[in-house]
Amino acid sequence: MKTMIVTTHDLILAGLYGEKIILLYKGMIRAAGDVEKVLKKDLVKEVYEIDVEEIYVNNRKILIPINMK
């Protein structure tokens, strides 16, 4: 097993390829752990100030922005 650390603002990539993720907000860790536990609608709205729709692709949860400012 190899480990890779990636930074991204792309929720789709994070959901598709991440296993463990860290969600930062104002320079602090807001949530960390499995994708399913971290990529929650309420947390994403708080951090990114956008609404998202949850969908599953190949049994992986991804969030699609539905109204960006």
C-alpha atoms as a PDB file:
ATOM      1  CA  MET A   1       0.000   0.000   0.000  1.00  0.00           C
ATOM      2  CA  LYS A   2       1.200   3.472  -0.866  1.00  0.00           C
ATOM      3  CA  THR A   3       0.119   6.742   0.662  1.00  0.00           C
ATOM      4  CA  MET A   4      -0.407   9.951  -1.251  1.00  0.00           C
ATOM      5  CA  ILE A   5      -1.298  13.337   0.165  1.00  0.00           C
ATOM      6  CA  VAL A   6      -3.270  15.608  -2.156  1.00  0.00           C
ATOM      7  CA  THR A   7      -4.813  19.018  -1.598  1.00  0.00           C
ATOM      8  CA  THR A   8      -7.898  19.951  -3.587  1.00  0.00           C
ATOM      9  CA  HIS A   9     -11.040  22.024  -3.490  1.00  0.00           C
ATOM     10  CA  ASP A  10     -12.691  19.542  -5.857  1.00  0.00           C
ATOM     11  CA  LEU A  11     -15.335  17.651  -3.887  1.00  0.00           C
ATOM     12  CA  ILE A  12     -15.920  15.218  -6.738  1.00  0.00           C
ATOM     13  CA  LEU A  13     -12.277  14.103  -6.843  1.00  0.00           C
ATOM     14  CA  ALA A  14     -12.115  13.911  -3.065  1.00  0.00           C
ATOM     15  CA  GLY A  15     -15.180  11.664  -2.981  1.00  0.00           C
ATOM     16  CA  LEU A  16     -14.091   9.428  -5.840  1.00  0.00           C
ATOM     17  CA  TYR A  17     -10.468   8.856  -4.895  1.00  0.00           C
ATOM     18  CA  GLY A  18     -10.088   9.703  -1.230  1.00  0.00           C
ATOM     19  CA  GLU A  19     -10.253   7.138   1.538  1.00  0.00           C
ATOM     20  CA  LYS A  20      -9.472   9.423   4.453  1.00  0.00           C
ATOM     21  CA  ILE A  21      -9.854  13.167   4.153  1.00  0.00           C
ATOM     22  CA  ILE A  22      -9.352  16.287   6.214  1.00  0.00           C
ATOM     23  CA  LEU A  23     -11.714  19.219   5.788  1.00  0.00           C
ATOM     24  CA  LEU A  24     -10.098  22.535   6.710  1.00  0.00           C
ATOM     25  CA  TYR A  25     -12.007  25.674   7.670  1.00  0.00           C
ATOM     26  CA  LYS A  26     -10.278  28.977   8.368  1.00  0.00           C
ATOM     27  CA  GLY A  27      -6.935  27.209   8.758  1.00  0.00           C
ATOM     28  CA  MET A  28      -8.205  24.666  11.295  1.00  0.00           C
ATOM     29  CA  ILE A  29      -9.283  21.042  10.970  1.00  0.00           C
ATOM     30  CA  ARG A  30     -13.096  21.070  10.882  1.00  0.00           C
ATOM     31  CA  ALA A  31     -13.504  17.326  10.269  1.00  0.00           C
ATOM     32  CA  ALA A  32     -11.263  14.354   9.531  1.00  0.00           C
ATOM     33  CA  GLY A  33     -11.803  10.688   8.779  1.00  0.00           C
ATOM     34  CA  ASP A  34     -13.501   8.452   6.234  1.00  0.00           C
ATOM     35  CA  VAL A  35     -14.998  10.171   3.189  1.00  0.00           C
ATOM     36  CA  GLU A  36     -18.512   9.027   4.161  1.00  0.00           C
ATOM     37  CA  LYS A  37     -18.210  10.710   7.572  1.00  0.00           C
ATOM     38  CA  VAL A  38     -16.531  13.932   6.460  1.00  0.00           C
ATOM     39  CA  LEU A  39     -18.300  14.797   3.201  1.00  0.00           C
ATOM     40  CA  LYS A  40     -21.627  15.741   4.751  1.00  0.00           C
ATOM     41  CA  LYS A  41     -23.984  18.315   3.276  1.00  0.00           C
ATOM     42  CA  ASP A  42     -24.027  20.492   6.403  1.00  0.00           C
ATOM     43  CA  LEU A  43     -20.238  20.548   6.786  1.00  0.00           C
ATOM     44  CA  VAL A  44     -19.686  21.350   3.116  1.00  0.00           C
ATOM     45  CA  LYS A  45     -22.248  24.163   3.277  1.00  0.00           C
ATOM     46  CA  GLU A  46     -20.506  25.616   6.330  1.00  0.00           C
ATOM     47  CA  VAL A  47     -17.025  25.464   4.803  1.00  0.00           C
ATOM     48  CA  TYR A  48     -17.669  26.150   1.103  1.00  0.00           C
ATOM     49  CA  GLU A  49     -20.928  28.123   1.470  1.00  0.00           C
ATOM     50  CA  ILE A  50     -22.596  26.035  -1.245  1.00  0.00           C
ATOM     51  CA  ASP A  51     -25.419  23.530  -1.398  1.00  0.00           C
ATOM     52  CA  VAL A  52     -24.590  20.068  -2.671  1.00  0.00           C
ATOM     53  CA  GLU A  53     -26.392  16.950  -3.814  1.00  0.00           C
ATOM     54  CA  GLU A  54     -25.140  13.543  -2.677  1.00  0.00           C
ATOM     55  CA  ILE A  55     -24.821  10.881  -5.345  1.00  0.00           C
ATOM     56  CA  TYR A  56     -23.080   7.527  -5.455  1.00  0.00           C
ATOM     57  CA  VAL A  57     -20.753   6.409  -8.234  1.00  0.00           C
ATOM     58  CA  ASN A  58     -19.330   2.886  -8.029  1.00  0.00           C
ATOM     59  CA  ASN A  59     -20.477   2.756  -4.386  1.00  0.00           C
ATOM     60  CA  ARG A  60     -18.510   5.936  -3.568  1.00  0.00           C
ATOM     61  CA  LYS A  61     -20.278   9.008  -2.233  1.00  0.00           C
ATOM     62  CA  ILE A  62     -19.555  12.207  -4.109  1.00  0.00           C
ATOM     63  CA  LEU A  63     -21.012  15.666  -3.665  1.00  0.00           C
ATOM     64  CA  ILE A  64     -22.136  17.742  -6.615  1.00  0.00           C
ATOM     65  CA  PRO A  65     -22.430  21.523  -6.099  1.00  0.00           C
ATOM     66  CA  ILE A  66     -25.939  22.692  -6.996  1.00  0.00           C
ATOM     67  CA  ASN A  67     -25.784  26.441  -6.367  1.00  0.00           C
ATOM     68  CA  MET A  68     -22.426  28.142  -6.286  1.00  0.00           C
ATOM     69  CA  LYS A  69     -22.038  31.802  -5.315  1.00  0.00           C
END
